[in-house]
Amino acid sequence: MDKYLVCIDLDSTFLKDDKSISDYSKEYVTRFVNKGNYFIINTGRPHQGAVQFLKELNLHLPLIVNNGSAIVEYDDNYERVKSFITFDMDIELVKEFYDEVKDFINTCAVTSIFDLYSPCLEKCPFFILHPNPDITFHEGSISKL
């Protein structure tokens, strides 16, 4: 029997306008996975802004997060990061880029698996600041990372 892998984005793709999962989609994903297939959330969000959907779907599969720069697996209770793979980023390049665009953007967040840095946390989108015991939030200049 063939098995399939579906990787899907959340916002403006899988989620409804109110950022919820439809009952139809939940039922479909359950049937799909119960047939031995894999359903992977692949999102630009950090893991703390995506794990709630994994829990809602009752999936124990990795999340691809941070625009593909990390893969995260949660524990059975969806409370803690069990394992992760990240792809290194040149922080000096990030700082240089931020310095060039900071006057043209509303806010910015630089995130890793366990830390999030922003010049103004209250301006960050809700899914970036989703509470999570693994995350430490830092407010201040990105240039001083």
N, C-alpha and C. Protein backbone atom coordinates (compact mmCIF):
# COMPACT_ATOMS: atom_id res chain seq x y z
N MET A 1 0.84 -1.18 0.00
CA MET A 1 0.00 0.00 0.00
C MET A 1 0.88 1.25 0.00
N ASP A 2 0.59 2.20 -0.86
CA ASP A 2 1.33 3.45 -0.91
C ASP A 2 1.02 4.30 0.31
N LYS A 3 2.04 5.04 0.76
CA LYS A 3 1.86 6.01 1.85
C LYS A 3 2.18 7.38 1.28
N TYR A 4 1.54 8.38 1.83
CA TYR A 4 1.70 9.73 1.33
C TYR A 4 2.15 10.67 2.44
N LEU A 5 2.85 11.71 2.03
CA LEU A 5 3.29 12.78 2.92
C LEU A 5 2.69 14.08 2.41
N VAL A 6 1.96 14.76 3.27
CA VAL A 6 1.43 16.08 2.95
C VAL A 6 2.06 17.07 3.92
N CYS A 7 2.68 18.11 3.38
CA CYS A 7 3.20 19.22 4.17
C CYS A 7 2.33 20.43 3.84
N ILE A 8 1.81 21.08 4.86
CA ILE A 8 0.87 22.18 4.60
C ILE A 8 1.17 23.38 5.48
N ASP A 9 1.02 24.56 4.88
CA ASP A 9 1.16 25.82 5.60
C ASP A 9 -0.10 26.05 6.42
N LEU A 10 -0.01 26.90 7.42
CA LEU A 10 -1.17 27.19 8.26
C LEU A 10 -1.96 28.39 7.75
N ASP A 11 -1.39 29.56 7.90
CA ASP A 11 -2.11 30.80 7.61
C ASP A 11 -2.43 30.96 6.13
N SER A 12 -3.69 31.27 5.86
CA SER A 12 -4.21 31.48 4.50
C SER A 12 -4.13 30.22 3.63
N THR A 13 -3.91 29.08 4.26
CA THR A 13 -3.89 27.81 3.53
C THR A 13 -4.77 26.79 4.25
N PHE A 14 -4.34 26.33 5.39
CA PHE A 14 -5.06 25.29 6.13
C PHE A 14 -6.07 25.87 7.12
N LEU A 15 -5.74 27.02 7.69
CA LEU A 15 -6.62 27.61 8.70
C LEU A 15 -7.70 28.46 8.07
N LYS A 16 -8.83 28.53 8.75
CA LYS A 16 -9.91 29.42 8.33
C LYS A 16 -9.51 30.86 8.66
N ASP A 17 -10.31 31.82 8.20
CA ASP A 17 -10.00 33.23 8.44
C ASP A 17 -9.86 33.57 9.92
N ASP A 18 -10.58 32.85 10.77
CA ASP A 18 -10.51 33.12 12.21
C ASP A 18 -9.36 32.34 12.88
N LYS A 19 -8.48 31.77 12.08
CA LYS A 19 -7.29 31.03 12.54
C LYS A 19 -7.64 29.73 13.26
N SER A 20 -8.75 29.13 12.87
CA SER A 20 -9.15 27.84 13.43
C SER A 20 -9.13 26.79 12.32
N ILE A 21 -9.19 25.53 12.74
CA ILE A 21 -9.24 24.41 11.79
C ILE A 21 -10.70 23.98 11.67
N SER A 22 -11.18 23.83 10.46
CA SER A 22 -12.57 23.42 10.27
C SER A 22 -12.76 21.98 10.74
N ASP A 23 -13.99 21.66 11.12
CA ASP A 23 -14.30 20.28 11.51
C ASP A 23 -14.04 19.31 10.36
N TYR A 24 -14.36 19.74 9.15
CA TYR A 24 -14.13 18.90 7.97
C TYR A 24 -12.64 18.57 7.84
N SER A 25 -11.78 19.59 7.99
CA SER A 25 -10.33 19.36 7.87
C SER A 25 -9.83 18.43 8.97
N LYS A 26 -10.33 18.60 10.19
CA LYS A 26 -9.92 17.72 11.29
C LYS A 26 -10.28 16.27 10.98
N GLU A 27 -11.49 16.06 10.51
CA GLU A 27 -11.93 14.70 10.18
C GLU A 27 -11.11 14.12 9.04
N TYR A 28 -10.84 14.93 8.03
CA TYR A 28 -10.07 14.47 6.87
C TYR A 28 -8.65 14.09 7.29
N VAL A 29 -7.99 14.95 8.08
CA VAL A 29 -6.62 14.67 8.52
C VAL A 29 -6.60 13.40 9.36
N THR A 30 -7.57 13.21 10.22
CA THR A 30 -7.63 11.99 11.04
C THR A 30 -7.74 10.75 10.17
N ARG A 31 -8.62 10.78 9.20
CA ARG A 31 -8.76 9.63 8.28
C ARG A 31 -7.47 9.40 7.50
N PHE A 32 -6.87 10.47 7.01
CA PHE A 32 -5.63 10.41 6.21
C PHE A 32 -4.50 9.77 7.02
N VAL A 33 -4.31 10.23 8.24
CA VAL A 33 -3.23 9.72 9.09
C VAL A 33 -3.53 8.29 9.55
N ASN A 34 -4.78 8.00 9.83
CA ASN A 34 -5.15 6.64 10.25
C ASN A 34 -4.90 5.60 9.17
N LYS A 35 -4.76 6.04 7.92
CA LYS A 35 -4.42 5.12 6.82
C LYS A 35 -2.92 4.92 6.69
N GLY A 36 -2.14 5.49 7.64
CA GLY A 36 -0.69 5.32 7.62
C GLY A 36 0.06 6.43 6.91
N ASN A 37 -0.61 7.50 6.55
CA ASN A 37 0.03 8.63 5.87
C ASN A 37 0.57 9.63 6.89
N TYR A 38 1.31 10.60 6.40
CA TYR A 38 1.94 11.61 7.25
C TYR A 38 1.42 12.99 6.87
N PHE A 39 1.05 13.76 7.88
CA PHE A 39 0.54 15.11 7.70
C PHE A 39 1.43 16.03 8.52
N ILE A 40 2.23 16.84 7.83
CA ILE A 40 3.22 17.68 8.50
C ILE A 40 2.84 19.15 8.34
N ILE A 41 2.83 19.86 9.46
CA ILE A 41 2.63 21.31 9.42
C ILE A 41 3.96 21.94 9.08
N ASN A 42 3.95 22.80 8.07
CA ASN A 42 5.15 23.48 7.58
C ASN A 42 4.80 24.97 7.52
N THR A 43 5.35 25.75 8.44
CA THR A 43 4.88 27.12 8.60
C THR A 43 6.02 28.11 8.82
N GLY A 44 5.74 29.35 8.57
CA GLY A 44 6.67 30.42 8.89
C GLY A 44 6.64 30.77 10.37
N ARG A 45 5.62 30.32 11.05
CA ARG A 45 5.51 30.59 12.48
C ARG A 45 6.62 29.87 13.26
N PRO A 46 6.96 30.40 14.44
CA PRO A 46 7.83 29.62 15.33
C PRO A 46 7.02 28.48 15.94
N HIS A 47 7.69 27.52 16.51
CA HIS A 47 6.98 26.33 17.02
C HIS A 47 5.93 26.67 18.06
N GLN A 48 6.19 27.67 18.90
CA GLN A 48 5.21 27.99 19.94
C GLN A 48 3.91 28.54 19.36
N GLY A 49 3.94 29.00 18.13
CA GLY A 49 2.74 29.49 17.48
C GLY A 49 2.07 28.46 16.60
N ALA A 50 2.61 27.24 16.57
CA ALA A 50 2.05 26.18 15.71
C ALA A 50 1.66 24.93 16.47
N VAL A 51 2.24 24.72 17.63
CA VAL A 51 2.02 23.46 18.35
C VAL A 51 0.56 23.26 18.74
N GLN A 52 -0.18 24.33 18.96
CA GLN A 52 -1.60 24.19 19.33
C GLN A 52 -2.38 23.44 18.25
N PHE A 53 -1.99 23.62 16.98
CA PHE A 53 -2.70 22.95 15.89
C PHE A 53 -2.33 21.48 15.81
N LEU A 54 -1.09 21.17 16.12
CA LEU A 54 -0.66 19.78 16.21
C LEU A 54 -1.47 19.07 17.29
N LYS A 55 -1.61 19.74 18.43
CA LYS A 55 -2.38 19.18 19.55
C LYS A 55 -3.85 19.03 19.17
N GLU A 56 -4.41 20.04 18.53
CA GLU A 56 -5.81 20.00 18.14
C GLU A 56 -6.10 18.83 17.18
N LEU A 57 -5.13 18.53 16.33
CA LEU A 57 -5.27 17.43 15.38
C LEU A 57 -4.85 16.08 15.99
N ASN A 58 -4.34 16.13 17.21
CA ASN A 58 -3.86 14.94 17.91
C ASN A 58 -2.80 14.20 17.10
N LEU A 59 -1.86 14.98 16.54
CA LEU A 59 -0.76 14.43 15.75
C LEU A 59 0.52 14.44 16.57
N HIS A 60 1.25 13.38 16.51
CA HIS A 60 2.57 13.31 17.16
C HIS A 60 3.61 13.16 16.07
N LEU A 61 3.72 14.24 15.29
CA LEU A 61 4.67 14.30 14.18
C LEU A 61 5.47 15.59 14.30
N PRO A 62 6.62 15.67 13.68
CA PRO A 62 7.41 16.90 13.76
C PRO A 62 6.70 18.08 13.09
N LEU A 63 7.08 19.27 13.53
CA LEU A 63 6.65 20.53 12.92
C LEU A 63 7.83 21.11 12.16
N ILE A 64 7.59 21.60 10.96
CA ILE A 64 8.61 22.37 10.25
C ILE A 64 8.23 23.83 10.47
N VAL A 65 9.13 24.59 11.10
CA VAL A 65 8.80 25.95 11.55
C VAL A 65 9.85 26.96 11.13
N ASN A 66 9.58 28.22 11.47
CA ASN A 66 10.52 29.31 11.19
C ASN A 66 10.91 29.34 9.71
N ASN A 67 9.89 29.24 8.86
CA ASN A 67 10.12 29.26 7.41
C ASN A 67 11.11 28.20 6.95
N GLY A 68 11.02 27.03 7.56
CA GLY A 68 11.86 25.91 7.15
C GLY A 68 13.21 25.85 7.81
N SER A 69 13.51 26.76 8.73
CA SER A 69 14.85 26.75 9.33
C SER A 69 14.95 25.87 10.57
N ALA A 70 13.84 25.23 10.96
CA ALA A 70 13.89 24.34 12.12
C ALA A 70 12.82 23.25 11.99
N ILE A 71 13.13 22.11 12.55
CA ILE A 71 12.19 21.01 12.66
C ILE A 71 12.12 20.67 14.14
N VAL A 72 10.90 20.64 14.68
CA VAL A 72 10.72 20.48 16.12
C VAL A 72 9.77 19.32 16.38
N GLU A 73 10.11 18.53 17.39
CA GLU A 73 9.22 17.45 17.82
C GLU A 73 8.88 17.69 19.28
N TYR A 74 7.60 17.62 19.61
CA TYR A 74 7.13 17.84 20.97
C TYR A 74 6.96 16.52 21.72
N ASP A 75 6.90 16.62 23.05
CA ASP A 75 6.62 15.45 23.88
C ASP A 75 5.17 15.02 23.67
N ASP A 76 4.80 13.92 24.29
CA ASP A 76 3.45 13.37 24.09
C ASP A 76 2.34 14.28 24.57
N ASN A 77 2.65 15.20 25.49
CA ASN A 77 1.64 16.12 26.02
C ASN A 77 1.64 17.47 25.31
N TYR A 78 2.48 17.63 24.30
CA TYR A 78 2.60 18.88 23.54
C TYR A 78 3.03 20.05 24.43
N GLU A 79 3.78 19.76 25.48
CA GLU A 79 4.16 20.81 26.42
C GLU A 79 5.62 21.23 26.30
N ARG A 80 6.46 20.34 25.87
CA ARG A 80 7.89 20.63 25.82
C ARG A 80 8.49 20.13 24.51
N VAL A 81 9.51 20.83 24.06
CA VAL A 81 10.25 20.39 22.88
C VAL A 81 11.07 19.16 23.27
N LYS A 82 10.84 18.08 22.54
CA LYS A 82 11.54 16.81 22.81
C LYS A 82 12.85 16.75 22.02
N SER A 83 12.79 17.17 20.77
CA SER A 83 13.99 17.18 19.93
C SER A 83 13.83 18.22 18.84
N PHE A 84 14.94 18.63 18.28
CA PHE A 84 14.87 19.63 17.21
C PHE A 84 16.11 19.57 16.34
N ILE A 85 15.94 20.05 15.13
CA ILE A 85 17.02 20.24 14.18
C ILE A 85 16.93 21.69 13.73
N THR A 86 18.03 22.39 13.74
CA THR A 86 18.02 23.77 13.26
C THR A 86 19.09 23.95 12.19
N PHE A 87 18.93 25.00 11.47
CA PHE A 87 19.89 25.35 10.43
C PHE A 87 20.49 26.68 10.81
N ASP A 88 21.81 26.72 10.90
CA ASP A 88 22.50 27.91 11.38
C ASP A 88 22.24 29.11 10.50
N MET A 89 22.29 30.26 11.17
CA MET A 89 22.08 31.52 10.48
C MET A 89 23.22 32.44 10.89
N ASP A 90 23.68 33.22 9.98
CA ASP A 90 24.75 34.17 10.24
C ASP A 90 24.16 35.38 10.96
N ILE A 91 24.34 35.44 12.28
CA ILE A 91 23.72 36.49 13.08
C ILE A 91 24.23 37.88 12.70
N GLU A 92 25.46 37.97 12.27
CA GLU A 92 25.98 39.28 11.84
C GLU A 92 25.24 39.77 10.59
N LEU A 93 24.91 38.85 9.71
CA LEU A 93 24.13 39.21 8.52
C LEU A 93 22.73 39.65 8.92
N VAL A 94 22.13 38.98 9.89
CA VAL A 94 20.80 39.36 10.39
C VAL A 94 20.85 40.77 10.96
N LYS A 95 21.86 41.06 11.77
CA LYS A 95 21.99 42.40 12.37
C LYS A 95 22.17 43.46 11.30
N GLU A 96 23.00 43.18 10.32
CA GLU A 96 23.24 44.12 9.23
C GLU A 96 21.95 44.39 8.46
N PHE A 97 21.22 43.34 8.15
CA PHE A 97 19.94 43.49 7.45
C PHE A 97 18.96 44.30 8.28
N TYR A 98 18.85 43.98 9.57
CA TYR A 98 17.94 44.71 10.45
C TYR A 98 18.29 46.20 10.48
N ASP A 99 19.57 46.52 10.60
CA ASP A 99 19.98 47.93 10.63
C ASP A 99 19.57 48.67 9.37
N GLU A 100 19.58 47.97 8.24
CA GLU A 100 19.21 48.60 6.98
C GLU A 100 17.70 48.81 6.83
N VAL A 101 16.89 47.95 7.44
CA VAL A 101 15.43 48.04 7.21
C VAL A 101 14.63 48.52 8.41
N LYS A 102 15.24 48.69 9.56
CA LYS A 102 14.48 48.98 10.79
C LYS A 102 13.61 50.23 10.70
N ASP A 103 14.00 51.20 9.90
CA ASP A 103 13.19 52.42 9.77
C ASP A 103 11.98 52.23 8.86
N PHE A 104 11.88 51.09 8.21
CA PHE A 104 10.80 50.84 7.25
C PHE A 104 9.83 49.74 7.69
N ILE A 105 10.06 49.17 8.87
CA ILE A 105 9.21 48.08 9.34
C ILE A 105 8.56 48.44 10.67
N ASN A 106 7.45 47.78 10.94
CA ASN A 106 6.72 48.02 12.18
C ASN A 106 7.37 47.29 13.36
N THR A 107 7.77 46.06 13.13
CA THR A 107 8.42 45.29 14.18
C THR A 107 9.26 44.18 13.55
N CYS A 108 9.96 43.49 14.39
CA CYS A 108 10.83 42.42 13.92
C CYS A 108 10.98 41.41 15.05
N ALA A 109 11.12 40.17 14.70
CA ALA A 109 11.40 39.13 15.70
C ALA A 109 12.44 38.19 15.12
N VAL A 110 13.42 37.90 15.91
CA VAL A 110 14.42 36.90 15.56
C VAL A 110 14.26 35.78 16.57
N THR A 111 14.03 34.58 16.08
CA THR A 111 13.72 33.49 16.98
C THR A 111 14.61 32.29 16.74
N SER A 112 14.88 31.62 17.83
CA SER A 112 15.53 30.31 17.77
C SER A 112 14.56 29.34 18.43
N ILE A 113 14.99 28.19 18.77
CA ILE A 113 14.08 27.22 19.39
C ILE A 113 13.66 27.68 20.79
N PHE A 114 14.59 28.26 21.54
CA PHE A 114 14.30 28.58 22.93
C PHE A 114 14.32 30.07 23.27
N ASP A 115 14.62 30.93 22.31
CA ASP A 115 14.68 32.37 22.56
C ASP A 115 14.01 33.13 21.43
N LEU A 116 13.42 34.27 21.81
CA LEU A 116 12.84 35.17 20.83
C LEU A 116 13.28 36.58 21.19
N TYR A 117 13.81 37.29 20.21
CA TYR A 117 14.29 38.65 20.40
C TYR A 117 13.46 39.59 19.54
N SER A 118 13.06 40.71 20.15
CA SER A 118 12.31 41.72 19.40
C SER A 118 12.55 43.08 20.02
N PRO A 119 12.62 44.12 19.19
CA PRO A 119 12.76 45.46 19.75
C PRO A 119 11.50 45.91 20.50
N CYS A 120 10.35 45.34 20.16
CA CYS A 120 9.10 45.72 20.82
C CYS A 120 8.16 44.51 20.80
N LEU A 121 8.14 43.77 21.88
CA LEU A 121 7.34 42.54 21.94
C LEU A 121 5.85 42.80 21.75
N GLU A 122 5.36 43.92 22.22
CA GLU A 122 3.91 44.18 22.10
C GLU A 122 3.47 44.40 20.66
N LYS A 123 4.39 44.65 19.76
CA LYS A 123 4.05 44.82 18.34
C LYS A 123 4.12 43.50 17.56
N CYS A 124 4.61 42.45 18.19
CA CYS A 124 4.73 41.17 17.50
C CYS A 124 3.36 40.53 17.31
N PRO A 125 3.16 39.82 16.21
CA PRO A 125 1.88 39.12 15.99
C PRO A 125 1.62 38.09 17.10
N PHE A 126 0.36 37.80 17.34
CA PHE A 126 -0.04 36.90 18.41
C PHE A 126 0.63 35.53 18.32
N PHE A 127 0.80 35.01 17.11
CA PHE A 127 1.34 33.66 16.98
C PHE A 127 2.84 33.59 17.25
N ILE A 128 3.51 34.73 17.27
CA ILE A 128 4.93 34.77 17.63
C ILE A 128 5.07 34.68 19.15
N LEU A 129 4.16 35.32 19.87
CA LEU A 129 4.28 35.42 21.32
C LEU A 129 3.49 34.36 22.07
N HIS A 130 3.03 33.35 21.38
CA HIS A 130 2.24 32.31 22.03
C HIS A 130 3.00 31.77 23.25
N PRO A 131 2.37 31.75 24.42
CA PRO A 131 3.06 31.30 25.63
C PRO A 131 3.57 29.87 25.49
N ASN A 132 4.74 29.63 26.00
CA ASN A 132 5.34 28.31 25.93
C ASN A 132 6.45 28.26 26.98
N PRO A 133 6.50 27.22 27.81
CA PRO A 133 7.52 27.17 28.86
C PRO A 133 8.95 27.06 28.34
N ASP A 134 9.12 26.71 27.08
CA ASP A 134 10.47 26.58 26.51
C ASP A 134 11.05 27.90 26.03
N ILE A 135 10.23 28.93 25.86
CA ILE A 135 10.67 30.15 25.21
C ILE A 135 11.00 31.23 26.23
N THR A 136 12.14 31.89 26.03
CA THR A 136 12.50 33.08 26.78
C THR A 136 12.39 34.26 25.82
N PHE A 137 11.60 35.25 26.21
CA PHE A 137 11.40 36.44 25.37
C PHE A 137 12.37 37.52 25.81
N HIS A 138 13.00 38.16 24.82
CA HIS A 138 13.97 39.23 25.08
C HIS A 138 13.52 40.46 24.30
N GLU A 139 13.46 41.59 24.98
CA GLU A 139 13.09 42.82 24.30
C GLU A 139 14.29 43.75 24.28
N GLY A 140 14.57 44.30 23.11
CA GLY A 140 15.71 45.19 22.95
C GLY A 140 16.18 45.20 21.51
N SER A 141 17.23 45.90 21.27
CA SER A 141 17.73 46.07 19.92
C SER A 141 18.22 44.76 19.30
N ILE A 142 17.75 44.50 18.10
CA ILE A 142 18.23 43.33 17.36
C ILE A 142 19.72 43.50 17.06
N SER A 143 20.15 44.72 16.89
CA SER A 143 21.55 45.00 16.57
C SER A 143 22.49 44.55 17.69
N LYS A 144 21.97 44.37 18.88
CA LYS A 144 22.82 44.01 20.03
C LYS A 144 22.73 42.52 20.39
N LEU A 145 22.18 41.73 19.50
CA LEU A 145 22.09 40.29 19.77
C LEU A 145 23.48 39.71 20.03
